[in-house]
């Protein structure tokens, strides 16, 4: 097998066991401490920031417009609406300007 396929398989296995392991650890507790719950609730925002921050630092005008539009949509809509709107704006700007 190709080396890339082995990397993909290993990544999939690691991801699976990480998710299952987290679930197994948390399922052993009857209640979750409020600080732990707050930290877990902050994870999606932290991951999103990690994905968006490099784009902000190296963004051109098209990407900057898409990020601003996505940010404005995020104030009113859900996370999926934000992702779809940002992607569509970026696609349109890259293809038609």
PDB file of N, CA and C in Angstrom:
ATOM      1  N   UNK A   1       0.828  -1.195   0.000  1.00  0.00           N
ATOM      2  CA  UNK A   1       0.000   0.000   0.000  1.00  0.00           C
ATOM      3  C   UNK A   1       0.865   1.248   0.000  1.00  0.00           C
ATOM      4  N   UNK A   2       0.290   2.251  -0.527  1.00  0.00           N
ATOM      5  CA  UNK A   2       0.966   3.535  -0.593  1.00  0.00           C
ATOM      6  C   UNK A   2       1.114   4.134   0.818  1.00  0.00           C
ATOM      7  N   UNK A   3       2.181   4.859   1.030  1.00  0.00           N
ATOM      8  CA  UNK A   3       2.436   5.478   2.332  1.00  0.00           C
ATOM      9  C   UNK A   3       1.322   6.438   2.737  1.00  0.00           C
ATOM     10  N   UNK A   4       0.755   7.143   1.783  1.00  0.00           N
ATOM     11  CA  UNK A   4      -0.324   8.092   2.062  1.00  0.00           C
ATOM     12  C   UNK A   4      -1.555   7.384   2.606  1.00  0.00           C
ATOM     13  N   UNK A   5      -1.863   6.234   2.050  1.00  0.00           N
ATOM     14  CA  UNK A   5      -3.024   5.478   2.521  1.00  0.00           C
ATOM     15  C   UNK A   5      -2.824   5.035   3.963  1.00  0.00           C
ATOM     16  N   UNK A   6      -1.617   4.610   4.313  1.00  0.00           N
ATOM     17  CA  UNK A   6      -1.337   4.226   5.697  1.00  0.00           C
ATOM     18  C   UNK A   6      -1.494   5.411   6.644  1.00  0.00           C
ATOM     19  N   UNK A   7      -1.086   6.586   6.202  1.00  0.00           N
ATOM     20  CA  UNK A   7      -1.236   7.791   7.029  1.00  0.00           C
ATOM     21  C   UNK A   7      -2.711   8.105   7.235  1.00  0.00           C
ATOM     22  N   UNK A   8      -3.502   7.972   6.184  1.00  0.00           N
ATOM     23  CA  UNK A   8      -4.942   8.229   6.291  1.00  0.00           C
ATOM     24  C   UNK A   8      -5.591   7.228   7.241  1.00  0.00           C
ATOM     25  N   UNK A   9      -5.241   5.963   7.116  1.00  0.00           N
ATOM     26  CA  UNK A   9      -5.801   4.929   7.990  1.00  0.00           C
ATOM     27  C   UNK A   9      -5.409   5.175   9.444  1.00  0.00           C
ATOM     28  N   UNK A  10      -4.136   5.498   9.681  1.00  0.00           N
ATOM     29  CA  UNK A  10      -3.675   5.758  11.045  1.00  0.00           C
ATOM     30  C   UNK A  10      -4.375   6.987  11.628  1.00  0.00           C
ATOM     31  N   UNK A  11      -4.565   8.014  10.823  1.00  0.00           N
ATOM     32  CA  UNK A  11      -5.258   9.213  11.292  1.00  0.00           C
ATOM     33  C   UNK A  11      -6.708   8.905  11.635  1.00  0.00           C
ATOM     34  N   UNK A  12      -7.354   8.102  10.810  1.00  0.00           N
ATOM     35  CA  UNK A  12      -8.746   7.733  11.072  1.00  0.00           C
ATOM     36  C   UNK A  12      -8.861   6.941  12.371  1.00  0.00           C
ATOM     37  N   UNK A  13      -7.960   6.013  12.577  1.00  0.00           N
ATOM     38  CA  UNK A  13      -7.980   5.206  13.803  1.00  0.00           C
ATOM     39  C   UNK A  13      -7.720   6.091  15.022  1.00  0.00           C
ATOM     40  N   UNK A  14      -6.745   6.970  14.926  1.00  0.00           N
ATOM     41  CA  UNK A  14      -6.437   7.863  16.047  1.00  0.00           C
ATOM     42  C   UNK A  14      -7.622   8.777  16.361  1.00  0.00           C
ATOM     43  N   UNK A  15      -8.258   9.297  15.333  1.00  0.00           N
ATOM     44  CA  UNK A  15      -9.425  10.154  15.534  1.00  0.00           C
ATOM     45  C   UNK A  15     -10.557   9.387  16.193  1.00  0.00           C
ATOM     46  N   UNK A  16     -10.803   8.180  15.717  1.00  0.00           N
ATOM     47  CA  UNK A  16     -11.870   7.359  16.282  1.00  0.00           C
ATOM     48  C   UNK A  16     -11.621   7.087  17.768  1.00  0.00           C
ATOM     49  N   UNK A  17     -10.420   6.636  18.107  1.00  0.00           N
ATOM     50  CA  UNK A  17     -10.134   6.304  19.504  1.00  0.00           C
ATOM     51  C   UNK A  17     -10.114   7.548  20.390  1.00  0.00           C
ATOM     52  N   UNK A  18      -9.728   8.679  19.842  1.00  0.00           N
ATOM     53  CA  UNK A  18      -9.773   9.916  20.623  1.00  0.00           C
ATOM     54  C   UNK A  18     -11.220  10.269  20.973  1.00  0.00           C
ATOM     55  N   UNK A  19     -12.101  10.170  19.994  1.00  0.00           N
ATOM     56  CA  UNK A  19     -13.511  10.485  20.248  1.00  0.00           C
ATOM     57  C   UNK A  19     -14.153   9.473  21.193  1.00  0.00           C
ATOM     58  N   UNK A  20     -13.927   8.197  20.955  1.00  0.00           N
ATOM     59  CA  UNK A  20     -14.509   7.168  21.813  1.00  0.00           C
ATOM     60  C   UNK A  20     -13.933   7.280  23.220  1.00  0.00           C
ATOM     61  N   UNK A  21     -12.647   7.522  23.328  1.00  0.00           N
ATOM     62  CA  UNK A  21     -12.014   7.650  24.637  1.00  0.00           C
ATOM     63  C   UNK A  21     -12.588   8.804  25.438  1.00  0.00           C
ATOM     64  N   UNK A  22     -12.793   9.931  24.786  1.00  0.00           N
ATOM     65  CA  UNK A  22     -13.388  11.069  25.480  1.00  0.00           C
ATOM     66  C   UNK A  22     -14.787  10.759  25.967  1.00  0.00           C
ATOM     67  N   UNK A  23     -15.547  10.083  25.131  1.00  0.00           N
ATOM     68  CA  UNK A  23     -16.908   9.700  25.529  1.00  0.00           C
ATOM     69  C   UNK A  23     -16.878   8.729  26.706  1.00  0.00           C
ATOM     70  N   UNK A  24     -15.988   7.754  26.660  1.00  0.00           N
ATOM     71  CA  UNK A  24     -15.903   6.778  27.753  1.00  0.00           C
ATOM     72  C   UNK A  24     -15.493   7.433  29.070  1.00  0.00           C
ATOM     73  N   UNK A  25     -14.567   8.374  29.012  1.00  0.00           N
ATOM     74  CA  UNK A  25     -14.127   9.056  30.237  1.00  0.00           C
ATOM     75  C   UNK A  25     -15.271   9.883  30.816  1.00  0.00           C
ATOM     76  N   UNK A  26     -15.957  10.649  29.975  1.00  0.00           N
ATOM     77  CA  UNK A  26     -17.039  11.505  30.479  1.00  0.00           C
ATOM     78  C   UNK A  26     -18.258  10.706  30.923  1.00  0.00           C
ATOM     79  N   UNK A  27     -18.483   9.537  30.333  1.00  0.00           N
ATOM     80  CA  UNK A  27     -19.653   8.739  30.705  1.00  0.00           C
ATOM     81  C   UNK A  27     -19.504   8.111  32.092  1.00  0.00           C
ATOM     82  N   UNK A  28     -18.316   8.096  32.645  1.00  0.00           N
ATOM     83  CA  UNK A  28     -18.099   7.517  33.974  1.00  0.00           C
ATOM     84  C   UNK A  28     -18.548   8.467  35.089  1.00  0.00           C
ATOM     85  N   UNK A  29     -18.738   9.739  34.773  1.00  0.00           N
ATOM     86  CA  UNK A  29     -19.147  10.718  35.776  1.00  0.00           C
ATOM     87  C   UNK A  29     -20.660  10.917  35.727  1.00  0.00           C
ATOM     88  N   UNK A  30     -21.272  11.019  36.922  1.00  0.00           N
ATOM     89  CA  UNK A  30     -22.704  11.295  36.960  1.00  0.00           C
ATOM     90  C   UNK A  30     -22.984  12.741  36.593  1.00  0.00           C
ATOM     91  N   UNK A  31     -22.161  13.632  37.111  1.00  0.00           N
ATOM     92  CA  UNK A  31     -22.296  15.052  36.775  1.00  0.00           C
ATOM     93  C   UNK A  31     -20.937  15.574  36.336  1.00  0.00           C
ATOM     94  N   UNK A  32     -20.983  16.577  35.512  1.00  0.00           N
ATOM     95  CA  UNK A  32     -19.750  17.204  35.036  1.00  0.00           C
ATOM     96  C   UNK A  32     -19.621  18.549  35.732  1.00  0.00           C
ATOM     97  N   UNK A  33     -18.443  18.817  36.258  1.00  0.00           N
ATOM     98  CA  UNK A  33     -18.190  20.079  36.941  1.00  0.00           C
ATOM     99  C   UNK A  33     -18.440  21.235  35.968  1.00  0.00           C
ATOM    100  N   UNK A  34     -19.029  22.333  36.447  1.00  0.00           N
ATOM    101  CA  UNK A  34     -19.324  23.470  35.562  1.00  0.00           C
ATOM    102  C   UNK A  34     -18.102  24.012  34.814  1.00  0.00           C
ATOM    103  N   UNK A  35     -16.946  23.968  35.440  1.00  0.00           N
ATOM    104  CA  UNK A  35     -15.733  24.458  34.754  1.00  0.00           C
ATOM    105  C   UNK A  35     -15.356  23.541  33.590  1.00  0.00           C
ATOM    106  N   UNK A  36     -15.495  22.240  33.783  1.00  0.00           N
ATOM    107  CA  UNK A  36     -15.217  21.283  32.704  1.00  0.00           C
ATOM    108  C   UNK A  36     -16.215  21.487  31.573  1.00  0.00           C
ATOM    109  N   UNK A  37     -17.474  21.654  31.924  1.00  0.00           N
ATOM    110  CA  UNK A  37     -18.505  21.869  30.908  1.00  0.00           C
ATOM    111  C   UNK A  37     -18.243  23.164  30.130  1.00  0.00           C
ATOM    112  N   UNK A  38     -17.835  24.220  30.831  1.00  0.00           N
ATOM    113  CA  UNK A  38     -17.513  25.477  30.158  1.00  0.00           C
ATOM    114  C   UNK A  38     -16.321  25.303  29.218  1.00  0.00           C
ATOM    115  N   UNK A  39     -15.328  24.544  29.660  1.00  0.00           N
ATOM    116  CA  UNK A  39     -14.160  24.308  28.808  1.00  0.00           C
ATOM    117  C   UNK A  39     -14.546  23.513  27.569  1.00  0.00           C
ATOM    118  N   UNK A  40     -15.385  22.493  27.731  1.00  0.00           N
ATOM    119  CA  UNK A  40     -15.821  21.702  26.584  1.00  0.00           C
ATOM    120  C   UNK A  40     -16.682  22.526  25.623  1.00  0.00           C
ATOM    121  N   UNK A  41     -17.477  23.433  26.169  1.00  0.00           N
ATOM    122  CA  UNK A  41     -18.293  24.301  25.315  1.00  0.00           C
ATOM    123  C   UNK A  41     -17.433  25.298  24.537  1.00  0.00           C
ATOM    124  N   UNK A  42     -16.236  25.604  25.030  1.00  0.00           N
ATOM    125  CA  UNK A  42     -15.355  26.557  24.361  1.00  0.00           C
ATOM    126  C   UNK A  42     -14.531  25.918  23.248  1.00  0.00           C
ATOM    127  N   UNK A  43     -14.495  24.600  23.178  1.00  0.00           N
ATOM    128  CA  UNK A  43     -13.668  23.913  22.188  1.00  0.00           C
ATOM    129  C   UNK A  43     -14.043  24.264  20.747  1.00  0.00           C
ATOM    130  N   UNK A  44     -15.320  24.257  20.360  1.00  0.00           N
ATOM    131  CA  UNK A  44     -15.626  24.600  18.960  1.00  0.00           C
ATOM    132  C   UNK A  44     -15.145  25.995  18.555  1.00  0.00           C
ATOM    133  N   UNK A  45     -15.302  26.968  19.434  1.00  0.00           N
ATOM    134  CA  UNK A  45     -14.829  28.323  19.127  1.00  0.00           C
ATOM    135  C   UNK A  45     -13.310  28.354  19.015  1.00  0.00           C
ATOM    136  N   UNK A  46     -12.628  27.597  19.858  1.00  0.00           N
ATOM    137  CA  UNK A  46     -11.167  27.561  19.802  1.00  0.00           C
ATOM    138  C   UNK A  46     -10.684  26.913  18.506  1.00  0.00           C
ATOM    139  N   UNK A  47     -11.346  25.846  18.090  1.00  0.00           N
ATOM    140  CA  UNK A  47     -10.964  25.185  16.840  1.00  0.00           C
ATOM    141  C   UNK A  47     -11.225  26.090  15.662  1.00  0.00           C
ATOM    142  N   UNK A  48     -12.381  26.756  15.667  1.00  0.00           N
ATOM    143  CA  UNK A  48     -12.713  27.680  14.581  1.00  0.00           C
ATOM    144  C   UNK A  48     -11.696  28.812  14.512  1.00  0.00           C
ATOM    145  N   UNK A  49     -11.310  29.339  15.655  1.00  0.00           N
ATOM    146  CA  UNK A  49     -10.301  30.400  15.687  1.00  0.00           C
ATOM    147  C   UNK A  49      -8.979  29.903  15.119  1.00  0.00           C
ATOM    148  N   UNK A  50      -8.621  28.678  15.441  1.00  0.00           N
ATOM    149  CA  UNK A  50      -7.375  28.108  14.931  1.00  0.00           C
ATOM    150  C   UNK A  50      -7.407  27.969  13.418  1.00  0.00           C
ATOM    151  N   UNK A  51      -8.565  27.697  12.867  1.00  0.00           N
ATOM    152  CA  UNK A  51      -8.688  27.565  11.418  1.00  0.00           C
ATOM    153  C   UNK A  51      -8.740  28.912  10.714  1.00  0.00           C
ATOM    154  N   UNK A  52      -9.352  29.906  11.347  1.00  0.00           N
ATOM    155  CA  UNK A  52      -9.559  31.200  10.699  1.00  0.00           C
ATOM    156  C   UNK A  52      -8.367  32.133  10.889  1.00  0.00           C
ATOM    157  N   UNK A  53      -7.702  32.074  12.021  1.00  0.00           N
ATOM    158  CA  UNK A  53      -6.620  33.017  12.318  1.00  0.00           C
ATOM    159  C   UNK A  53      -5.520  33.047  11.258  1.00  0.00           C
ATOM    160  N   UNK A  54      -5.009  31.916  10.782  1.00  0.00           N
ATOM    161  CA  UNK A  54      -3.985  31.993   9.734  1.00  0.00           C
ATOM    162  C   UNK A  54      -4.504  32.662   8.455  1.00  0.00           C
ATOM    163  N   UNK A  55      -5.771  32.449   8.151  1.00  0.00           N
ATOM    164  CA  UNK A  55      -6.354  33.094   6.972  1.00  0.00           C
ATOM    165  C   UNK A  55      -6.410  34.602   7.144  1.00  0.00           C
ATOM    166  N   UNK A  56      -6.690  35.039   8.343  1.00  0.00           N
ATOM    167  CA  UNK A  56      -6.741  36.482   8.591  1.00  0.00           C
ATOM    168  C   UNK A  56      -5.373  37.128   8.400  1.00  0.00           C
ATOM    169  N   UNK A  57      -4.332  36.422   8.798  1.00  0.00           N
ATOM    170  CA  UNK A  57      -2.992  36.999   8.714  1.00  0.00           C
ATOM    171  C   UNK A  57      -2.442  37.018   7.291  1.00  0.00           C
ATOM    172  N   UNK A  58      -2.912  36.111   6.453  1.00  0.00           N
ATOM    173  CA  UNK A  58      -2.401  36.053   5.086  1.00  0.00           C
ATOM    174  C   UNK A  58      -3.485  36.291   4.044  1.00  0.00           C
ATOM    175  N   UNK A  59      -4.590  36.880   4.466  1.00  0.00           N
ATOM    176  CA  UNK A  59      -5.737  37.042   3.572  1.00  0.00           C
ATOM    177  C   UNK A  59      -5.554  38.216   2.622  1.00  0.00           C
ATOM    178  N   UNK A  60      -6.036  37.992   1.420  1.00  0.00           N
ATOM    179  CA  UNK A  60      -6.144  39.073   0.455  1.00  0.00           C
ATOM    180  C   UNK A  60      -7.493  39.753   0.633  1.00  0.00           C
ATOM    181  N   UNK A  61      -7.809  40.707  -0.196  1.00  0.00           N
ATOM    182  CA  UNK A  61      -9.078  41.425  -0.037  1.00  0.00           C
ATOM    183  C   UNK A  61     -10.302  40.516  -0.202  1.00  0.00           C
ATOM    184  N   UNK A  62     -10.241  39.550  -1.103  1.00  0.00           N
ATOM    185  CA  UNK A  62     -11.381  38.650  -1.297  1.00  0.00           C
ATOM    186  C   UNK A  62     -11.645  37.812  -0.054  1.00  0.00           C
ATOM    187  N   UNK A  63     -10.588  37.251   0.478  1.00  0.00           N
ATOM    188  CA  UNK A  63     -10.726  36.418   1.662  1.00  0.00           C
ATOM    189  C   UNK A  63     -11.194  37.242   2.856  1.00  0.00           C
ATOM    190  N   UNK A  64     -10.698  38.465   2.972  1.00  0.00           N
ATOM    191  CA  UNK A  64     -11.080  39.346   4.072  1.00  0.00           C
ATOM    192  C   UNK A  64     -12.574  39.669   4.004  1.00  0.00           C
ATOM    193  N   UNK A  65     -13.071  39.930   2.798  1.00  0.00           N
ATOM    194  CA  UNK A  65     -14.503  40.207   2.622  1.00  0.00           C
ATOM    195  C   UNK A  65     -15.323  38.981   3.033  1.00  0.00           C
ATOM    196  N   UNK A  66     -14.899  37.800   2.599  1.00  0.00           N
ATOM    197  CA  UNK A  66     -15.624  36.575   2.941  1.00  0.00           C
ATOM    198  C   UNK A  66     -15.629  36.342   4.450  1.00  0.00           C
ATOM    199  N   UNK A  67     -14.519  36.613   5.115  1.00  0.00           N
ATOM    200  CA  UNK A  67     -14.444  36.425   6.564  1.00  0.00           C
ATOM    201  C   UNK A  67     -15.358  37.412   7.279  1.00  0.00           C
ATOM    202  N   UNK A  68     -15.381  38.654   6.821  1.00  0.00           N
ATOM    203  CA  UNK A  68     -16.248  39.667   7.434  1.00  0.00           C
ATOM    204  C   UNK A  68     -17.715  39.286   7.245  1.00  0.00           C
ATOM    205  N   UNK A  69     -18.078  38.878   6.025  1.00  0.00           N
ATOM    206  CA  UNK A  69     -19.462  38.470   5.759  1.00  0.00           C
ATOM    207  C   UNK A  69     -19.838  37.276   6.629  1.00  0.00           C
ATOM    208  N   UNK A  70     -18.962  36.290   6.717  1.00  0.00           N
ATOM    209  CA  UNK A  70     -19.233  35.117   7.554  1.00  0.00           C
ATOM    210  C   UNK A  70     -19.381  35.518   9.022  1.00  0.00           C
ATOM    211  N   UNK A  71     -18.561  36.445   9.467  1.00  0.00           N
ATOM    212  CA  UNK A  71     -18.671  36.926  10.849  1.00  0.00           C
ATOM    213  C   UNK A  71     -19.990  37.620  11.110  1.00  0.00           C
ATOM    214  N   UNK A  72     -20.444  38.426  10.152  1.00  0.00           N
ATOM    215  CA  UNK A  72     -21.730  39.099  10.307  1.00  0.00           C
ATOM    216  C   UNK A  72     -22.883  38.108  10.299  1.00  0.00           C
ATOM    217  N   UNK A  73     -22.804  37.105   9.441  1.00  0.00           N
ATOM    218  CA  UNK A  73     -23.843  36.064   9.405  1.00  0.00           C
ATOM    219  C   UNK A  73     -23.842  35.277  10.714  1.00  0.00           C
ATOM    220  N   UNK A  74     -22.674  35.067  11.297  1.00  0.00           N
ATOM    221  CA  UNK A  74     -22.576  34.316  12.552  1.00  0.00           C
ATOM    222  C   UNK A  74     -23.295  35.030  13.692  1.00  0.00           C
ATOM    223  N   UNK A  75     -23.405  36.349  13.601  1.00  0.00           N
ATOM    224  CA  UNK A  75     -24.100  37.087  14.659  1.00  0.00           C
ATOM    225  C   UNK A  75     -25.591  36.781  14.684  1.00  0.00           C
ATOM    226  N   UNK A  76     -26.159  36.425  13.541  1.00  0.00           N
ATOM    227  CA  UNK A  76     -27.603  36.162  13.440  1.00  0.00           C
ATOM    228  C   UNK A  76     -27.951  34.696  13.184  1.00  0.00           C
ATOM    229  N   UNK A  77     -27.116  34.004  12.427  1.00  0.00           N
ATOM    230  CA  UNK A  77     -27.443  32.638  12.023  1.00  0.00           C
ATOM    231  C   UNK A  77     -26.658  31.605  12.798  1.00  0.00           C
ATOM    232  N   UNK A  78     -26.841  30.376  12.403  1.00  0.00           N
ATOM    233  CA  UNK A  78     -26.137  29.279  13.036  1.00  0.00           C
ATOM    234  C   UNK A  78     -24.761  29.082  12.412  1.00  0.00           C
ATOM    235  N   UNK A  79     -24.038  28.112  12.942  1.00  0.00           N
ATOM    236  CA  UNK A  79     -22.669  27.877  12.492  1.00  0.00           C
ATOM    237  C   UNK A  79     -22.637  27.350  11.058  1.00  0.00           C
ATOM    238  N   UNK A  80     -23.608  26.505  10.700  1.00  0.00           N
ATOM    239  CA  UNK A  80     -23.624  25.964   9.338  1.00  0.00           C
ATOM    240  C   UNK A  80     -23.934  27.065   8.328  1.00  0.00           C
ATOM    241  N   UNK A  81     -24.850  27.950   8.680  1.00  0.00           N
ATOM    242  CA  UNK A  81     -25.171  29.075   7.812  1.00  0.00           C
ATOM    243  C   UNK A  81     -23.939  29.952   7.604  1.00  0.00           C
ATOM    244  N   UNK A  82     -23.181  30.155   8.672  1.00  0.00           N
ATOM    245  CA  UNK A  82     -21.966  30.961   8.580  1.00  0.00           C
ATOM    246  C   UNK A  82     -20.958  30.324   7.630  1.00  0.00           C
ATOM    247  N   UNK A  83     -20.725  29.024   7.780  1.00  0.00           N
ATOM    248  CA  UNK A  83     -19.750  28.336   6.918  1.00  0.00           C
ATOM    249  C   UNK A  83     -20.172  28.380   5.456  1.00  0.00           C
ATOM    250  N   UNK A  84     -21.431  28.087   5.200  1.00  0.00           N
ATOM    251  CA  UNK A  84     -21.913  28.052   3.820  1.00  0.00           C
ATOM    252  C   UNK A  84     -21.855  29.442   3.199  1.00  0.00           C
ATOM    253  N   UNK A  85     -22.294  30.452   3.935  1.00  0.00           N
ATOM    254  CA  UNK A  85     -22.264  31.816   3.407  1.00  0.00           C
ATOM    255  C   UNK A  85     -20.844  32.267   3.134  1.00  0.00           C
ATOM    256  N   UNK A  86     -19.937  32.034   4.067  1.00  0.00           N
ATOM    257  CA  UNK A  86     -18.536  32.424   3.867  1.00  0.00           C
ATOM    258  C   UNK A  86     -17.918  31.738   2.664  1.00  0.00           C
ATOM    259  N   UNK A  87     -18.198  30.445   2.532  1.00  0.00           N
ATOM    260  CA  UNK A  87     -17.652  29.697   1.388  1.00  0.00           C
ATOM    261  C   UNK A  87     -18.229  30.203   0.076  1.00  0.00           C
ATOM    262  N   UNK A  88     -19.532  30.448   0.041  1.00  0.00           N
ATOM    263  CA  UNK A  88     -20.155  30.941  -1.191  1.00  0.00           C
ATOM    264  C   UNK A  88     -19.630  32.317  -1.589  1.00  0.00           C
ATOM    265  N   UNK A  89     -19.497  33.197  -0.608  1.00  0.00           N
ATOM    266  CA  UNK A  89     -18.965  34.538  -0.909  1.00  0.00           C
ATOM    267  C   UNK A  89     -17.548  34.423  -1.454  1.00  0.00           C
ATOM    268  N   UNK A  90     -16.732  33.589  -0.845  1.00  0.00           N
ATOM    269  CA  UNK A  90     -15.358  33.425  -1.306  1.00  0.00           C
ATOM    270  C   UNK A  90     -15.308  32.827  -2.714  1.00  0.00           C
ATOM    271  N   UNK A  91     -16.141  31.837  -2.969  1.00  0.00           N
ATOM    272  CA  UNK A  91     -16.186  31.233  -4.309  1.00  0.00           C
ATOM    273  C   UNK A  91     -16.598  32.263  -5.348  1.00  0.00           C
ATOM    274  N   UNK A  92     -17.641  33.018  -5.026  1.00  0.00           N
ATOM    275  CA  UNK A  92     -18.102  34.044  -5.976  1.00  0.00           C
ATOM    276  C   UNK A  92     -17.044  35.112  -6.221  1.00  0.00           C
ATOM    277  N   UNK A  93     -16.402  35.567  -5.158  1.00  0.00           N
ATOM    278  CA  UNK A  93     -15.378  36.604  -5.322  1.00  0.00           C
ATOM    279  C   UNK A  93     -14.170  36.097  -6.112  1.00  0.00           C
ATOM    280  N   UNK A  94     -13.772  34.860  -5.860  1.00  0.00           N
ATOM    281  CA  UNK A  94     -12.611  34.320  -6.569  1.00  0.00           C
ATOM    282  C   UNK A  94     -12.908  34.046  -8.050  1.00  0.00           C
ATOM    283  N   UNK A  95     -14.136  33.712  -8.357  1.00  0.00           N
ATOM    284  CA  UNK A  95     -14.462  33.358  -9.733  1.00  0.00           C
ATOM    285  C   UNK A  95     -14.977  34.515 -10.586  1.00  0.00           C
ATOM    286  N   UNK A  96     -15.529  35.539  -9.959  1.00  0.00           N
ATOM    287  CA  UNK A  96     -16.180  36.590 -10.747  1.00  0.00           C
ATOM    288  C   UNK A  96     -15.582  37.978 -10.547  1.00  0.00           C
ATOM    289  N   UNK A  97     -14.484  38.093  -9.837  1.00  0.00           N
ATOM    290  CA  UNK A  97     -13.842  39.406  -9.710  1.00  0.00           C
ATOM    291  C   UNK A  97     -12.403  39.336 -10.130  1.00  0.00           C
TER     292      UNK A  97
END
